Amino acid sequence: MNPTDYRRTTEALNALTAHQYTVTQEGGTEPPFRNAYWDNHDPGIYVDVVSGQPLFSSTDKFDSGTGWPSFTRPIDPDAVTTTTDRTFGMVRTEAISAGAGSHLGHVFDDGPRAAGGLRYCMNSAALRFIPAAALEEQGYGAYRGLFETTTPQNPEENAS
């Protein structure tokens, strides 16, 4: 994946709702527990609502209890960049999509220790969910392997 393949265009910005624009372009946020994906448990990937860049997988999503969709890591290490955010009298780590520069949310160090300890706390308004069953038809077939399970072979079937 090359982040430069995913850009912010005028057409994409014009297609955003006012709330999506506020979140992705002005660093806004949305209320906890009142957003589209905080309790989504379906298999699939989350892409940048502006550029379509793959950002997160449901395989790395966890219930943080915060009311926002939370992930242990990006789908690709180069998909999300970070910067220091000093707004609202706090010092936080802002998460930004690498391709389009969309504000996604923030990264905290209180995630599951077994998964590296990070919590990517994202705004649903910055994301679009692609169900695993629709990955091929929506152009994200390269990610279907994240959701394929292999059936263990029956040793008796291999006996000759």
C-alpha atoms as a PDB file:
ATOM      1  CA  MET A   1       0.000   0.000   0.000  1.00  0.00           C
ATOM      2  CA  ASN A   2       1.316   3.396  -0.943  1.00  0.00           C
ATOM      3  CA  PRO A   3      -0.278   6.262   1.044  1.00  0.00           C
ATOM      4  CA  THR A   4       0.263   8.623  -1.894  1.00  0.00           C
ATOM      5  CA  ASP A   5      -2.331   6.587  -3.808  1.00  0.00           C
ATOM      6  CA  TYR A   6      -4.931   8.016  -1.422  1.00  0.00           C
ATOM      7  CA  ARG A   7      -5.352  11.753  -1.706  1.00  0.00           C
ATOM      8  CA  ARG A   8      -7.746  14.416  -0.553  1.00  0.00           C
ATOM      9  CA  THR A   9      -9.660  15.767  -3.533  1.00  0.00           C
ATOM     10  CA  THR A  10     -12.160  18.596  -3.834  1.00  0.00           C
ATOM     11  CA  GLU A  11     -14.738  16.077  -5.028  1.00  0.00           C
ATOM     12  CA  ALA A  12     -14.211  13.901  -1.942  1.00  0.00           C
ATOM     13  CA  LEU A  13     -14.417  16.898   0.397  1.00  0.00           C
ATOM     14  CA  ASN A  14     -17.632  18.061  -1.257  1.00  0.00           C
ATOM     15  CA  ALA A  15     -19.168  14.616  -0.666  1.00  0.00           C
ATOM     16  CA  LEU A  16     -18.631  14.800   3.111  1.00  0.00           C
ATOM     17  CA  THR A  17     -21.421  15.647   5.514  1.00  0.00           C
ATOM     18  CA  ALA A  18     -20.885  18.785   7.595  1.00  0.00           C
ATOM     19  CA  HIS A  19     -20.010  16.594  10.593  1.00  0.00           C
ATOM     20  CA  GLN A  20     -17.506  14.490   8.611  1.00  0.00           C
ATOM     21  CA  TYR A  21     -15.879  17.678   7.343  1.00  0.00           C
ATOM     22  CA  THR A  22     -15.633  19.140  10.857  1.00  0.00           C
ATOM     23  CA  VAL A  23     -14.027  15.955  12.185  1.00  0.00           C
ATOM     24  CA  THR A  24     -11.621  15.177   9.329  1.00  0.00           C
ATOM     25  CA  GLN A  25     -10.637  18.684   8.238  1.00  0.00           C
ATOM     26  CA  GLU A  26     -11.007  20.766  11.391  1.00  0.00           C
ATOM     27  CA  GLY A  27      -9.972  18.254  14.058  1.00  0.00           C
ATOM     28  CA  GLY A  28     -13.440  17.890  15.513  1.00  0.00           C
ATOM     29  CA  THR A  29     -14.767  15.010  17.547  1.00  0.00           C
ATOM     30  CA  GLU A  30     -18.050  13.232  18.061  1.00  0.00           C
ATOM     31  CA  PRO A  31     -19.899  12.240  21.215  1.00  0.00           C
ATOM     32  CA  PRO A  32     -19.054   8.893  22.785  1.00  0.00           C
ATOM     33  CA  PHE A  33     -21.583   6.090  22.401  1.00  0.00           C
ATOM     34  CA  ARG A  34     -23.450   8.138  19.772  1.00  0.00           C
ATOM     35  CA  ASN A  35     -21.463   7.362  16.653  1.00  0.00           C
ATOM     36  CA  ALA A  36     -21.709   4.769  13.916  1.00  0.00           C
ATOM     37  CA  TYR A  37     -18.967   2.275  14.755  1.00  0.00           C
ATOM     38  CA  TRP A  38     -18.287   2.304  18.505  1.00  0.00           C
ATOM     39  CA  ASP A  39     -20.184  -0.994  18.903  1.00  0.00           C
ATOM     40  CA  ASN A  40     -19.768  -2.468  15.424  1.00  0.00           C
ATOM     41  CA  HIS A  41     -18.564  -6.064  15.742  1.00  0.00           C
ATOM     42  CA  ASP A  42     -18.886  -7.117  12.091  1.00  0.00           C
ATOM     43  CA  PRO A  43     -15.783  -8.339  10.247  1.00  0.00           C
ATOM     44  CA  GLY A  44     -14.327  -5.868   7.778  1.00  0.00           C
ATOM     45  CA  ILE A  45     -11.985  -2.944   7.340  1.00  0.00           C
ATOM     46  CA  TYR A  46     -12.282   0.749   8.092  1.00  0.00           C
ATOM     47  CA  VAL A  47     -11.099   3.214   5.465  1.00  0.00           C
ATOM     48  CA  ASP A  48     -10.545   6.977   5.427  1.00  0.00           C
ATOM     49  CA  VAL A  49     -13.910   8.561   4.582  1.00  0.00           C
ATOM     50  CA  VAL A  50     -12.062  11.174   2.491  1.00  0.00           C
ATOM     51  CA  SER A  51      -9.674   9.067   0.406  1.00  0.00           C
ATOM     52  CA  GLY A  52     -10.702   5.438   0.848  1.00  0.00           C
ATOM     53  CA  GLN A  53      -7.279   4.544   2.269  1.00  0.00           C
ATOM     54  CA  PRO A  54      -7.436   1.323   4.326  1.00  0.00           C
ATOM     55  CA  LEU A  55      -6.734   2.259   7.945  1.00  0.00           C
ATOM     56  CA  PHE A  56      -7.927  -0.377  10.420  1.00  0.00           C
ATOM     57  CA  SER A  57      -9.209  -3.946  10.533  1.00  0.00           C
ATOM     58  CA  SER A  58     -11.954  -5.330  12.728  1.00  0.00           C
ATOM     59  CA  THR A  59      -9.428  -8.015  13.709  1.00  0.00           C
ATOM     60  CA  ASP A  60      -7.609  -5.297  15.687  1.00  0.00           C
ATOM     61  CA  LYS A  61     -10.738  -3.627  17.104  1.00  0.00           C
ATOM     62  CA  PHE A  62     -11.564  -3.935  20.800  1.00  0.00           C
ATOM     63  CA  ASP A  63     -14.109  -2.588  23.256  1.00  0.00           C
ATOM     64  CA  SER A  64     -12.255   0.098  25.183  1.00  0.00           C
ATOM     65  CA  GLY A  65     -15.345   1.203  27.093  1.00  0.00           C
ATOM     66  CA  THR A  66     -14.846   4.770  25.847  1.00  0.00           C
ATOM     67  CA  GLY A  67     -17.708   4.903  23.335  1.00  0.00           C
ATOM     68  CA  TRP A  68     -15.478   5.371  20.296  1.00  0.00           C
ATOM     69  CA  PRO A  69     -14.147   2.706  17.932  1.00  0.00           C
ATOM     70  CA  SER A  70     -10.769   1.614  19.278  1.00  0.00           C
ATOM     71  CA  PHE A  71      -8.031  -0.389  17.583  1.00  0.00           C
ATOM     72  CA  THR A  72      -4.693  -1.790  18.731  1.00  0.00           C
ATOM     73  CA  ARG A  73      -2.902  -0.834  15.520  1.00  0.00           C
ATOM     74  CA  PRO A  74      -3.389   0.411  11.953  1.00  0.00           C
ATOM     75  CA  ILE A  75      -3.934  -2.115   9.170  1.00  0.00           C
ATOM     76  CA  ASP A  76      -0.548  -1.043   7.775  1.00  0.00           C
ATOM     77  CA  PRO A  77       2.103   0.788   9.825  1.00  0.00           C
ATOM     78  CA  ASP A  78       2.364   3.479   7.134  1.00  0.00           C
ATOM     79  CA  ALA A  79      -1.406   4.135   6.960  1.00  0.00           C
ATOM     80  CA  VAL A  80      -1.553   6.410   9.997  1.00  0.00           C
ATOM     81  CA  THR A  81       0.842   9.137  11.046  1.00  0.00           C
ATOM     82  CA  THR A  82       0.879  10.951  14.358  1.00  0.00           C
ATOM     83  CA  THR A  83       1.633  14.417  15.607  1.00  0.00           C
ATOM     84  CA  THR A  84       1.443  16.246  18.917  1.00  0.00           C
ATOM     85  CA  ASP A  85      -1.956  17.855  19.540  1.00  0.00           C
ATOM     86  CA  ARG A  86      -1.968  20.677  22.110  1.00  0.00           C
ATOM     87  CA  THR A  87      -5.614  21.727  21.748  1.00  0.00           C
ATOM     88  CA  PHE A  88      -8.031  22.136  24.646  1.00  0.00           C
ATOM     89  CA  GLY A  89      -5.197  22.602  27.157  1.00  0.00           C
ATOM     90  CA  MET A  90      -4.046  18.973  26.775  1.00  0.00           C
ATOM     91  CA  VAL A  91      -1.101  17.257  25.162  1.00  0.00           C
ATOM     92  CA  ARG A  92      -2.258  14.274  23.110  1.00  0.00           C
ATOM     93  CA  THR A  93      -1.088  12.262  20.131  1.00  0.00           C
ATOM     94  CA  GLU A  94      -3.243  12.983  17.101  1.00  0.00           C
ATOM     95  CA  ALA A  95      -3.809  10.234  14.506  1.00  0.00           C
ATOM     96  CA  ILE A  96      -3.888  11.363  10.870  1.00  0.00           C
ATOM     97  CA  SER A  97      -4.436   9.362   7.693  1.00  0.00           C
ATOM     98  CA  ALA A  98      -1.136   9.285   5.819  1.00  0.00           C
ATOM     99  CA  GLY A  99      -2.609   9.773   2.359  1.00  0.00           C
ATOM    100  CA  ALA A 100      -5.248  12.483   2.727  1.00  0.00           C
ATOM    101  CA  GLY A 101      -4.144  14.034   6.002  1.00  0.00           C
ATOM    102  CA  SER A 102      -7.550  13.470   7.598  1.00  0.00           C
ATOM    103  CA  HIS A 103      -7.865  13.920  11.346  1.00  0.00           C
ATOM    104  CA  LEU A 104      -8.943  10.502  12.644  1.00  0.00           C
ATOM    105  CA  GLY A 105      -8.735  10.739  16.424  1.00  0.00           C
ATOM    106  CA  HIS A 106      -6.026  10.176  19.008  1.00  0.00           C
ATOM    107  CA  VAL A 107      -3.619   7.481  20.181  1.00  0.00           C
ATOM    108  CA  PHE A 108      -3.297   6.622  23.857  1.00  0.00           C
ATOM    109  CA  ASP A 109      -1.018   4.224  25.733  1.00  0.00           C
ATOM    110  CA  ASP A 110      -3.794   2.507  27.699  1.00  0.00           C
ATOM    111  CA  GLY A 111      -4.645  -0.222  25.187  1.00  0.00           C
ATOM    112  CA  PRO A 112      -4.356  -3.980  25.681  1.00  0.00           C
ATOM    113  CA  ARG A 113      -0.814  -4.756  26.869  1.00  0.00           C
ATOM    114  CA  ALA A 114      -0.762  -8.085  25.000  1.00  0.00           C
ATOM    115  CA  ALA A 115      -1.320  -6.177  21.738  1.00  0.00           C
ATOM    116  CA  GLY A 116       1.347  -3.525  22.295  1.00  0.00           C
ATOM    117  CA  GLY A 117      -0.460  -1.243  24.738  1.00  0.00           C
ATOM    118  CA  LEU A 118      -1.780   1.330  22.272  1.00  0.00           C
ATOM    119  CA  ARG A 119      -5.369   2.452  21.791  1.00  0.00           C
ATOM    120  CA  TYR A 120      -6.158   4.141  18.505  1.00  0.00           C
ATOM    121  CA  CYS A 121      -9.330   5.971  19.552  1.00  0.00           C
ATOM    122  CA  MET A 122     -11.008   6.989  16.300  1.00  0.00           C
ATOM    123  CA  ASN A 123     -13.981   9.081  15.252  1.00  0.00           C
ATOM    124  CA  SER A 124     -16.568   7.080  13.310  1.00  0.00           C
ATOM    125  CA  ALA A 125     -17.176  10.193  11.188  1.00  0.00           C
ATOM    126  CA  ALA A 126     -13.626   9.856   9.816  1.00  0.00           C
ATOM    127  CA  LEU A 127     -14.178   6.247   8.774  1.00  0.00           C
ATOM    128  CA  ARG A 128     -16.177   4.199   6.295  1.00  0.00           C
ATOM    129  CA  PHE A 129     -16.716   0.533   7.091  1.00  0.00           C
ATOM    130  CA  ILE A 130     -16.269  -2.069   4.343  1.00  0.00           C
ATOM    131  CA  PRO A 131     -17.804  -5.415   5.373  1.00  0.00           C
ATOM    132  CA  ALA A 132     -15.584  -8.444   4.768  1.00  0.00           C
ATOM    133  CA  ALA A 133     -18.172  -9.858   2.359  1.00  0.00           C
ATOM    134  CA  ALA A 134     -17.937  -6.702   0.209  1.00  0.00           C
ATOM    135  CA  LEU A 135     -14.147  -6.301   0.083  1.00  0.00           C
ATOM    136  CA  GLU A 136     -13.783  -7.638  -3.472  1.00  0.00           C
ATOM    137  CA  GLU A 137     -16.646  -5.656  -4.973  1.00  0.00           C
ATOM    138  CA  GLN A 138     -15.466  -2.419  -3.349  1.00  0.00           C
ATOM    139  CA  GLY A 139     -11.862  -2.817  -4.521  1.00  0.00           C
ATOM    140  CA  TYR A 140     -10.296  -4.041  -1.271  1.00  0.00           C
ATOM    141  CA  GLY A 141      -9.871  -7.715  -2.165  1.00  0.00           C
ATOM    142  CA  ALA A 142      -6.232  -7.632  -1.067  1.00  0.00           C
ATOM    143  CA  TYR A 143      -7.534  -7.598   2.522  1.00  0.00           C
ATOM    144  CA  ARG A 144      -9.832 -10.634   2.329  1.00  0.00           C
ATOM    145  CA  GLY A 145      -7.080 -12.841   3.792  1.00  0.00           C
ATOM    146  CA  LEU A 146      -7.595 -11.104   7.138  1.00  0.00           C
ATOM    147  CA  PHE A 147     -11.007 -12.762   7.364  1.00  0.00           C
ATOM    148  CA  GLU A 148     -10.488 -16.137   5.733  1.00  0.00           C
ATOM    149  CA  THR A 149     -10.282 -19.072   8.052  1.00  0.00           C
ATOM    150  CA  THR A 150      -8.621 -22.276   7.080  1.00  0.00           C
ATOM    151  CA  THR A 151     -10.353 -25.509   7.826  1.00  0.00           C
ATOM    152  CA  PRO A 152      -8.086 -28.036   9.519  1.00  0.00           C
ATOM    153  CA  GLN A 153      -7.499 -31.031   7.351  1.00  0.00           C
ATOM    154  CA  ASN A 154      -8.853 -34.352   8.501  1.00  0.00           C
ATOM    155  CA  PRO A 155      -5.811 -36.667   8.821  1.00  0.00           C
ATOM    156  CA  GLU A 156      -7.972 -39.632   7.865  1.00  0.00           C
ATOM    157  CA  GLU A 157      -8.720 -38.045   4.468  1.00  0.00           C
ATOM    158  CA  ASN A 158      -4.979 -37.889   3.729  1.00  0.00           C
ATOM    159  CA  ALA A 159      -4.350 -41.547   4.581  1.00  0.00           C
ATOM    160  CA  SER A 160      -3.802 -43.812   1.580  1.00  0.00           C
END
